[in-house]
Amino acid sequence: MFFSVAALALSAAASTTARVDAVPVPATSSALRVSAALNEEVWRLAAPVEAFRQREPKDGGEPSQRTEFRVAYDAFNLFV
């Protein structure tokens, strides 16, 4: 399953940067424990998305802090 993440990951004004329009999202059949630890197998399978751009002080510039997100889902929930 693929979810559009371009609005979350990239600034529309940054036309010279690579776009991320979709990411693969792994399904899990086991229950995920919602915690700060990402030590479950599904998080190792989920590809990290790191294509963020900053808006201040330079729109479209490299971010000053490293940021990433991962997405997974089961029959009832979407985990971000």
Foldseek 3Di string as FASTA:
>chain_A
DKDACQVPAEDPVQPVFDTDGIFDAEEDADDDDDDPDPPDPRSVVWDKDFRHADCPPPHRHDDPDTDIDTWYYYPPDIDD
